[in-house]
Amino acid sequence: MVFIGAPLTPHGLNDGKSNFPEFHNVYVQPAAFKAYRATGKWPEGTMMIKELQLVDDPKGDFPDGSRVLPSGRGYFPGAVNGLDVSVKDSKRFADTNNWGYFNFNHAPPPYLAEAAVKPVGECAGCHIANADEDMVYVKLYESILAPLPLPVAAN
């Protein structure tokens, strides 16, 4: 899997009302990553994995929940707290713009061995209304997904 990003919207920066207060560590299959970088489209069969990871100490050292470590002030990852998977399959998920969303538990491991597709109102509805491109919040991962120029060796 290729790591494409880890957005974070902690409670401390959202008046305690963040919809998703964890780090969202997002991974995609290498072939899908390569295809997206070449074409700007997620191919059929793309699978993205979103590992949910709590903020290390939600109380933190400051009112916003941030902490100070030797590297500086910030938010730091703590325990893993869930696993979501999205799958692009136009035959199975035509009614949700070709993507299906699955949750394998929103709690520490062990995770469920199987999960049913989530109802539209739980995942797909928000992606339909808000996602940047093809049901994916690509703006969160632009620096990784955009093709980078390769350095040219000097003769």
N, C-alpha and C. Protein backbone atom coordinates (compact mmCIF):
# COMPACT_ATOMS: atom_id res chain seq x y z
N MET A 1 0.85 -1.19 0.00
CA MET A 1 0.00 0.00 0.00
C MET A 1 0.89 1.24 0.00
N VAL A 2 0.39 2.30 -0.61
CA VAL A 2 1.09 3.57 -0.67
C VAL A 2 0.38 4.55 0.27
N PHE A 3 1.14 5.13 1.18
CA PHE A 3 0.59 6.14 2.09
C PHE A 3 0.39 7.43 1.31
N ILE A 4 -0.84 8.00 1.35
CA ILE A 4 -1.08 9.25 0.61
C ILE A 4 -1.38 10.44 1.51
N GLY A 5 -1.55 10.24 2.82
CA GLY A 5 -1.76 11.39 3.69
C GLY A 5 -2.42 11.03 5.00
N ALA A 6 -2.43 12.03 5.91
CA ALA A 6 -3.01 11.83 7.24
C ALA A 6 -3.67 13.11 7.73
N PRO A 7 -4.83 13.48 7.18
CA PRO A 7 -5.51 14.68 7.66
C PRO A 7 -5.90 14.53 9.13
N LEU A 8 -5.97 15.66 9.81
CA LEU A 8 -6.35 15.69 11.22
C LEU A 8 -7.21 16.91 11.48
N THR A 9 -8.36 16.70 12.10
CA THR A 9 -9.23 17.81 12.52
C THR A 9 -9.58 17.60 13.99
N PRO A 10 -8.67 17.95 14.90
CA PRO A 10 -8.86 17.65 16.32
C PRO A 10 -9.97 18.47 16.96
N HIS A 11 -10.53 17.91 18.02
CA HIS A 11 -11.57 18.62 18.78
C HIS A 11 -11.07 19.99 19.24
N GLY A 12 -9.80 20.07 19.65
CA GLY A 12 -9.26 21.31 20.19
C GLY A 12 -9.30 22.48 19.23
N LEU A 13 -9.37 22.24 17.95
CA LEU A 13 -9.46 23.31 16.96
C LEU A 13 -10.87 23.48 16.43
N ASN A 14 -11.82 22.72 16.97
CA ASN A 14 -13.20 22.74 16.48
C ASN A 14 -14.21 22.81 17.62
N ASP A 15 -13.86 23.54 18.66
CA ASP A 15 -14.75 23.72 19.82
C ASP A 15 -15.29 22.40 20.35
N GLY A 16 -14.48 21.35 20.31
CA GLY A 16 -14.89 20.05 20.83
C GLY A 16 -15.92 19.34 19.97
N LYS A 17 -16.13 19.81 18.74
CA LYS A 17 -17.21 19.27 17.90
C LYS A 17 -16.72 18.72 16.56
N SER A 18 -15.50 18.27 16.49
CA SER A 18 -15.00 17.71 15.24
C SER A 18 -15.75 16.43 14.90
N ASN A 19 -16.16 16.29 13.66
CA ASN A 19 -16.81 15.05 13.23
C ASN A 19 -15.84 13.88 13.24
N PHE A 20 -14.59 14.16 12.95
CA PHE A 20 -13.57 13.11 12.84
C PHE A 20 -12.31 13.60 13.55
N PRO A 21 -12.21 13.42 14.87
CA PRO A 21 -11.11 14.01 15.62
C PRO A 21 -9.79 13.24 15.54
N GLU A 22 -9.75 12.16 14.77
CA GLU A 22 -8.53 11.36 14.70
C GLU A 22 -7.68 11.73 13.49
N PHE A 23 -6.45 11.24 13.52
CA PHE A 23 -5.65 11.22 12.30
C PHE A 23 -6.31 10.21 11.37
N HIS A 24 -6.38 10.52 10.09
CA HIS A 24 -6.88 9.58 9.08
C HIS A 24 -5.71 9.21 8.19
N ASN A 25 -5.05 8.12 8.53
CA ASN A 25 -3.90 7.64 7.76
C ASN A 25 -4.45 6.88 6.55
N VAL A 26 -4.26 7.44 5.37
CA VAL A 26 -4.90 6.90 4.16
C VAL A 26 -3.87 6.25 3.25
N TYR A 27 -4.21 5.04 2.80
CA TYR A 27 -3.35 4.24 1.94
C TYR A 27 -4.14 3.80 0.70
N VAL A 28 -3.45 3.61 -0.41
CA VAL A 28 -4.07 3.12 -1.64
C VAL A 28 -3.13 2.10 -2.28
N GLN A 29 -3.68 1.21 -3.06
CA GLN A 29 -2.87 0.18 -3.73
C GLN A 29 -1.85 0.84 -4.66
N PRO A 30 -0.66 0.27 -4.77
CA PRO A 30 0.36 0.84 -5.66
C PRO A 30 -0.12 1.01 -7.10
N ALA A 31 -0.83 0.04 -7.66
CA ALA A 31 -1.28 0.14 -9.05
C ALA A 31 -2.28 1.28 -9.22
N ALA A 32 -3.18 1.46 -8.25
CA ALA A 32 -4.15 2.56 -8.33
C ALA A 32 -3.45 3.90 -8.19
N PHE A 33 -2.46 3.97 -7.31
CA PHE A 33 -1.67 5.19 -7.13
C PHE A 33 -0.97 5.57 -8.43
N LYS A 34 -0.33 4.59 -9.04
CA LYS A 34 0.38 4.83 -10.31
C LYS A 34 -0.60 5.27 -11.40
N ALA A 35 -1.75 4.61 -11.48
CA ALA A 35 -2.75 4.97 -12.50
C ALA A 35 -3.28 6.38 -12.26
N TYR A 36 -3.54 6.74 -11.01
CA TYR A 36 -4.04 8.08 -10.72
C TYR A 36 -3.00 9.13 -11.12
N ARG A 37 -1.75 8.89 -10.79
CA ARG A 37 -0.71 9.87 -11.12
C ARG A 37 -0.55 10.01 -12.64
N ALA A 38 -0.81 8.95 -13.38
CA ALA A 38 -0.67 8.99 -14.84
C ALA A 38 -1.88 9.60 -15.53
N THR A 39 -3.09 9.39 -14.97
CA THR A 39 -4.31 9.78 -15.68
C THR A 39 -5.18 10.80 -14.94
N GLY A 40 -4.95 10.96 -13.63
CA GLY A 40 -5.82 11.83 -12.84
C GLY A 40 -7.16 11.19 -12.51
N LYS A 41 -7.28 9.88 -12.73
CA LYS A 41 -8.52 9.13 -12.45
C LYS A 41 -8.19 7.92 -11.60
N TRP A 42 -9.10 7.62 -10.65
CA TRP A 42 -8.96 6.39 -9.87
C TRP A 42 -9.53 5.25 -10.70
N PRO A 43 -8.76 4.20 -10.95
CA PRO A 43 -9.25 3.10 -11.78
C PRO A 43 -10.28 2.24 -11.06
N GLU A 44 -11.08 1.56 -11.85
CA GLU A 44 -12.02 0.57 -11.32
C GLU A 44 -11.24 -0.40 -10.44
N GLY A 45 -11.80 -0.75 -9.29
CA GLY A 45 -11.15 -1.67 -8.37
C GLY A 45 -10.25 -1.01 -7.35
N THR A 46 -10.10 0.32 -7.43
CA THR A 46 -9.28 1.01 -6.43
C THR A 46 -9.82 0.72 -5.04
N MET A 47 -8.91 0.46 -4.12
CA MET A 47 -9.27 0.28 -2.72
C MET A 47 -8.41 1.22 -1.89
N MET A 48 -9.08 2.03 -1.07
CA MET A 48 -8.37 2.90 -0.14
C MET A 48 -8.64 2.42 1.28
N ILE A 49 -7.61 2.44 2.08
CA ILE A 49 -7.72 2.06 3.48
C ILE A 49 -7.47 3.30 4.32
N LYS A 50 -8.37 3.53 5.27
CA LYS A 50 -8.23 4.67 6.18
C LYS A 50 -8.10 4.11 7.59
N GLU A 51 -6.91 4.24 8.16
CA GLU A 51 -6.65 3.82 9.52
C GLU A 51 -6.89 5.03 10.43
N LEU A 52 -7.77 4.88 11.40
CA LEU A 52 -8.07 5.96 12.33
C LEU A 52 -7.13 5.87 13.52
N GLN A 53 -6.52 7.00 13.88
CA GLN A 53 -5.55 7.00 14.96
C GLN A 53 -5.80 8.21 15.85
N LEU A 54 -6.04 7.94 17.13
CA LEU A 54 -6.36 9.00 18.08
C LEU A 54 -5.21 9.97 18.26
N VAL A 55 -5.54 11.19 18.68
CA VAL A 55 -4.52 12.14 19.11
C VAL A 55 -3.94 11.58 20.40
N ASP A 56 -2.62 11.64 20.55
CA ASP A 56 -1.91 11.01 21.66
C ASP A 56 -2.52 11.32 23.02
N ASP A 57 -2.72 12.56 23.33
CA ASP A 57 -3.32 12.95 24.62
C ASP A 57 -4.33 14.04 24.32
N PRO A 58 -5.62 13.69 24.21
CA PRO A 58 -6.61 14.68 23.80
C PRO A 58 -6.70 15.89 24.73
N LYS A 59 -6.26 15.76 25.98
CA LYS A 59 -6.26 16.92 26.88
C LYS A 59 -5.06 17.82 26.59
N GLY A 60 -3.95 17.22 26.20
CA GLY A 60 -2.77 17.97 25.81
C GLY A 60 -2.22 18.85 26.90
N ASP A 61 -1.32 19.73 26.51
CA ASP A 61 -0.70 20.68 27.43
C ASP A 61 -1.37 22.05 27.34
N PHE A 62 -2.17 22.27 26.29
CA PHE A 62 -2.79 23.57 26.04
C PHE A 62 -4.29 23.38 25.86
N PRO A 63 -5.07 24.45 25.99
CA PRO A 63 -6.53 24.33 25.84
C PRO A 63 -6.98 23.74 24.51
N ASP A 64 -6.19 23.90 23.45
CA ASP A 64 -6.59 23.34 22.15
C ASP A 64 -6.22 21.87 22.01
N GLY A 65 -5.67 21.27 23.06
CA GLY A 65 -5.32 19.86 23.04
C GLY A 65 -3.94 19.56 22.50
N SER A 66 -3.20 20.57 22.08
CA SER A 66 -1.86 20.33 21.56
C SER A 66 -0.90 20.06 22.71
N ARG A 67 0.24 19.50 22.36
CA ARG A 67 1.27 19.16 23.34
C ARG A 67 2.60 19.70 22.88
N VAL A 68 3.54 19.73 23.81
CA VAL A 68 4.91 20.10 23.48
C VAL A 68 5.80 18.87 23.67
N LEU A 69 6.48 18.52 22.62
CA LEU A 69 7.48 17.45 22.64
C LEU A 69 8.80 18.05 22.18
N PRO A 70 9.90 17.31 22.25
CA PRO A 70 11.18 17.89 21.82
C PRO A 70 11.16 18.47 20.41
N SER A 71 10.30 17.95 19.54
CA SER A 71 10.24 18.47 18.16
C SER A 71 9.45 19.76 18.06
N GLY A 72 8.69 20.12 19.10
CA GLY A 72 7.90 21.34 19.10
C GLY A 72 6.46 21.08 19.53
N ARG A 73 5.65 22.13 19.40
CA ARG A 73 4.24 22.04 19.78
C ARG A 73 3.42 21.49 18.62
N GLY A 74 2.50 20.57 18.93
CA GLY A 74 1.67 20.02 17.87
C GLY A 74 0.71 18.97 18.38
N TYR A 75 0.16 18.23 17.44
CA TYR A 75 -0.71 17.09 17.72
C TYR A 75 0.05 15.85 17.29
N PHE A 76 0.04 14.83 18.14
CA PHE A 76 0.85 13.65 17.88
C PHE A 76 -0.02 12.41 17.92
N PRO A 77 0.29 11.42 17.08
CA PRO A 77 -0.55 10.23 16.99
C PRO A 77 -0.45 9.36 18.23
N GLY A 78 -1.61 8.79 18.58
CA GLY A 78 -1.70 7.87 19.70
C GLY A 78 -2.17 6.51 19.23
N ALA A 79 -3.09 5.93 19.98
CA ALA A 79 -3.57 4.57 19.69
C ALA A 79 -4.39 4.51 18.41
N VAL A 80 -4.27 3.40 17.70
CA VAL A 80 -5.11 3.13 16.54
C VAL A 80 -6.52 2.87 17.04
N ASN A 81 -7.51 3.44 16.33
CA ASN A 81 -8.88 3.42 16.85
C ASN A 81 -9.93 3.10 15.80
N GLY A 82 -9.57 2.49 14.71
CA GLY A 82 -10.59 2.14 13.72
C GLY A 82 -10.01 1.90 12.35
N LEU A 83 -10.84 1.32 11.49
CA LEU A 83 -10.40 1.00 10.14
C LEU A 83 -11.58 1.13 9.19
N ASP A 84 -11.41 1.95 8.16
CA ASP A 84 -12.41 2.12 7.11
C ASP A 84 -11.79 1.73 5.78
N VAL A 85 -12.61 1.24 4.87
CA VAL A 85 -12.15 0.87 3.53
C VAL A 85 -13.16 1.41 2.53
N SER A 86 -12.66 1.99 1.44
CA SER A 86 -13.54 2.39 0.33
C SER A 86 -13.08 1.65 -0.92
N VAL A 87 -14.06 1.25 -1.73
CA VAL A 87 -13.79 0.45 -2.93
C VAL A 87 -14.52 1.07 -4.11
N LYS A 88 -13.80 1.26 -5.22
CA LYS A 88 -14.43 1.76 -6.44
C LYS A 88 -14.85 0.56 -7.29
N ASP A 89 -16.17 0.41 -7.44
CA ASP A 89 -16.73 -0.71 -8.20
C ASP A 89 -18.04 -0.24 -8.81
N SER A 90 -18.01 0.10 -10.09
CA SER A 90 -19.18 0.71 -10.74
C SER A 90 -20.37 -0.24 -10.82
N LYS A 91 -20.15 -1.53 -10.81
CA LYS A 91 -21.28 -2.47 -10.85
C LYS A 91 -21.95 -2.59 -9.49
N ARG A 92 -21.19 -2.70 -8.44
CA ARG A 92 -21.75 -2.88 -7.10
C ARG A 92 -22.27 -1.59 -6.48
N PHE A 93 -21.67 -0.44 -6.84
CA PHE A 93 -21.98 0.80 -6.14
C PHE A 93 -22.39 1.93 -7.07
N ALA A 94 -23.12 1.61 -8.11
CA ALA A 94 -23.55 2.62 -9.09
C ALA A 94 -24.38 3.72 -8.43
N ASP A 95 -25.17 3.38 -7.42
CA ASP A 95 -26.04 4.37 -6.78
C ASP A 95 -25.29 5.33 -5.87
N THR A 96 -24.01 5.07 -5.59
CA THR A 96 -23.21 6.00 -4.78
C THR A 96 -21.96 6.42 -5.57
N ASN A 97 -22.17 6.79 -6.82
CA ASN A 97 -21.10 7.29 -7.69
C ASN A 97 -19.91 6.34 -7.77
N ASN A 98 -20.22 5.04 -7.75
CA ASN A 98 -19.24 3.97 -8.00
C ASN A 98 -18.34 3.62 -6.83
N TRP A 99 -18.60 4.18 -5.65
CA TRP A 99 -17.77 3.87 -4.48
C TRP A 99 -18.63 3.26 -3.38
N GLY A 100 -18.06 2.26 -2.71
CA GLY A 100 -18.68 1.67 -1.53
C GLY A 100 -17.79 1.92 -0.33
N TYR A 101 -18.41 2.13 0.82
CA TYR A 101 -17.68 2.47 2.05
C TYR A 101 -17.97 1.43 3.13
N PHE A 102 -16.92 0.99 3.79
CA PHE A 102 -17.02 -0.06 4.80
C PHE A 102 -16.30 0.38 6.07
N ASN A 103 -16.85 0.02 7.22
CA ASN A 103 -16.21 0.30 8.50
C ASN A 103 -16.00 -1.02 9.22
N PHE A 104 -14.77 -1.30 9.59
CA PHE A 104 -14.42 -2.56 10.24
C PHE A 104 -14.30 -2.41 11.75
N ASN A 105 -14.80 -1.37 12.30
CA ASN A 105 -14.91 -1.07 13.72
C ASN A 105 -14.32 0.30 13.97
N HIS A 106 -14.96 1.05 14.80
CA HIS A 106 -14.45 2.35 15.22
C HIS A 106 -14.08 2.21 16.69
N ALA A 107 -13.07 1.40 16.91
CA ALA A 107 -12.56 1.08 18.24
C ALA A 107 -11.18 0.45 18.03
N PRO A 108 -10.43 0.27 19.10
CA PRO A 108 -9.13 -0.37 18.93
C PRO A 108 -9.26 -1.78 18.37
N PRO A 109 -8.19 -2.31 17.74
CA PRO A 109 -8.22 -3.68 17.24
C PRO A 109 -8.49 -4.65 18.39
N PRO A 110 -8.97 -5.84 18.07
CA PRO A 110 -9.07 -6.45 16.76
C PRO A 110 -10.27 -5.92 15.98
N TYR A 111 -10.12 -5.88 14.67
CA TYR A 111 -11.20 -5.41 13.80
C TYR A 111 -12.08 -6.56 13.36
N LEU A 112 -13.23 -6.21 12.85
CA LEU A 112 -14.14 -7.21 12.30
C LEU A 112 -13.50 -7.90 11.10
N ALA A 113 -13.80 -9.16 10.90
CA ALA A 113 -13.28 -9.89 9.74
C ALA A 113 -14.02 -9.50 8.47
N GLU A 114 -15.29 -9.08 8.60
CA GLU A 114 -16.10 -8.67 7.46
C GLU A 114 -16.92 -7.45 7.86
N ALA A 115 -17.31 -6.68 6.87
CA ALA A 115 -18.16 -5.51 7.12
C ALA A 115 -19.11 -5.32 5.95
N ALA A 116 -20.32 -4.92 6.24
CA ALA A 116 -21.30 -4.60 5.19
C ALA A 116 -21.06 -3.18 4.71
N VAL A 117 -21.47 -2.91 3.48
CA VAL A 117 -21.35 -1.55 2.96
C VAL A 117 -22.18 -0.62 3.84
N LYS A 118 -21.65 0.57 4.11
CA LYS A 118 -22.33 1.54 4.97
C LYS A 118 -23.47 2.20 4.21
N PRO A 119 -24.55 2.53 4.90
CA PRO A 119 -25.65 3.26 4.26
C PRO A 119 -25.16 4.61 3.71
N VAL A 120 -25.84 5.09 2.70
CA VAL A 120 -25.46 6.35 2.04
C VAL A 120 -25.27 7.48 3.05
N GLY A 121 -26.16 7.59 4.02
CA GLY A 121 -26.09 8.68 4.98
C GLY A 121 -24.90 8.64 5.91
N GLU A 122 -24.20 7.52 5.97
CA GLU A 122 -23.07 7.41 6.90
C GLU A 122 -21.73 7.76 6.26
N CYS A 123 -21.56 7.58 4.98
CA CYS A 123 -20.28 7.87 4.34
C CYS A 123 -20.46 8.49 2.95
N ALA A 124 -21.09 7.75 2.06
CA ALA A 124 -21.20 8.18 0.67
C ALA A 124 -21.89 9.52 0.52
N GLY A 125 -22.90 9.79 1.33
CA GLY A 125 -23.62 11.06 1.23
C GLY A 125 -22.72 12.26 1.40
N CYS A 126 -21.82 12.20 2.36
CA CYS A 126 -20.88 13.31 2.59
C CYS A 126 -19.88 13.41 1.44
N HIS A 127 -19.42 12.27 0.94
CA HIS A 127 -18.49 12.28 -0.19
C HIS A 127 -19.18 12.83 -1.44
N ILE A 128 -20.44 12.44 -1.67
CA ILE A 128 -21.19 12.96 -2.82
C ILE A 128 -21.31 14.47 -2.73
N ALA A 129 -21.60 14.99 -1.55
CA ALA A 129 -21.83 16.42 -1.37
C ALA A 129 -20.55 17.24 -1.31
N ASN A 130 -19.44 16.65 -0.87
CA ASN A 130 -18.28 17.47 -0.56
C ASN A 130 -16.95 17.07 -1.18
N ALA A 131 -16.81 15.87 -1.67
CA ALA A 131 -15.50 15.42 -2.16
C ALA A 131 -15.08 16.22 -3.39
N ASP A 132 -13.77 16.40 -3.51
CA ASP A 132 -13.22 17.22 -4.59
C ASP A 132 -13.36 16.58 -5.96
N GLU A 133 -13.12 15.28 -6.04
CA GLU A 133 -13.00 14.64 -7.34
C GLU A 133 -13.25 13.13 -7.20
N ASP A 134 -14.17 12.60 -7.96
CA ASP A 134 -14.44 11.16 -7.98
C ASP A 134 -14.62 10.59 -6.57
N MET A 135 -15.36 11.31 -5.74
CA MET A 135 -15.71 10.86 -4.39
C MET A 135 -14.52 10.82 -3.43
N VAL A 136 -13.40 11.41 -3.80
CA VAL A 136 -12.20 11.41 -2.97
C VAL A 136 -11.82 12.86 -2.67
N TYR A 137 -11.42 13.11 -1.44
CA TYR A 137 -10.97 14.45 -1.04
C TYR A 137 -9.52 14.65 -1.47
N VAL A 138 -9.29 14.70 -2.77
CA VAL A 138 -7.92 14.73 -3.29
C VAL A 138 -7.14 15.96 -2.85
N LYS A 139 -7.79 17.06 -2.54
CA LYS A 139 -7.05 18.25 -2.11
C LYS A 139 -6.28 18.00 -0.82
N LEU A 140 -6.71 17.01 -0.04
CA LEU A 140 -5.99 16.67 1.19
C LEU A 140 -4.67 15.96 0.88
N TYR A 141 -4.53 15.45 -0.34
CA TYR A 141 -3.37 14.63 -0.69
C TYR A 141 -2.63 15.14 -1.92
N GLU A 142 -2.89 16.38 -2.34
CA GLU A 142 -2.34 16.88 -3.61
C GLU A 142 -0.82 16.78 -3.69
N SER A 143 -0.14 17.07 -2.60
CA SER A 143 1.32 17.08 -2.68
C SER A 143 1.89 15.69 -2.94
N ILE A 144 1.14 14.65 -2.58
CA ILE A 144 1.61 13.29 -2.81
C ILE A 144 1.10 12.74 -4.14
N LEU A 145 -0.14 13.09 -4.48
CA LEU A 145 -0.74 12.54 -5.69
C LEU A 145 -0.25 13.21 -6.97
N ALA A 146 0.13 14.49 -6.89
CA ALA A 146 0.58 15.21 -8.08
C ALA A 146 1.92 14.64 -8.54
N PRO A 147 2.06 14.36 -9.82
CA PRO A 147 3.35 13.85 -10.30
C PRO A 147 4.47 14.84 -10.02
N LEU A 148 5.54 14.34 -9.46
CA LEU A 148 6.68 15.18 -9.15
C LEU A 148 7.71 15.09 -10.27
N PRO A 149 8.32 16.22 -10.63
CA PRO A 149 9.35 16.15 -11.67
C PRO A 149 10.58 15.42 -11.12
N LEU A 150 11.18 14.61 -11.96
CA LEU A 150 12.39 13.91 -11.56
C LEU A 150 13.59 14.80 -11.81
N PRO A 151 14.59 14.74 -10.93
CA PRO A 151 15.78 15.56 -11.16
C PRO A 151 16.54 15.07 -12.39
N VAL A 152 17.15 16.00 -13.07
CA VAL A 152 17.94 15.67 -14.26
C VAL A 152 19.41 15.67 -13.84
N ALA A 153 20.09 14.58 -14.16
CA ALA A 153 21.50 14.47 -13.80
C ALA A 153 22.34 15.41 -14.66
N ALA A 154 23.29 16.06 -14.01
CA ALA A 154 24.21 16.93 -14.75
C ALA A 154 25.29 16.06 -15.40
N ASN A 155 25.69 16.44 -16.61
CA ASN A 155 26.73 15.67 -17.32
C ASN A 155 28.09 16.06 -16.86
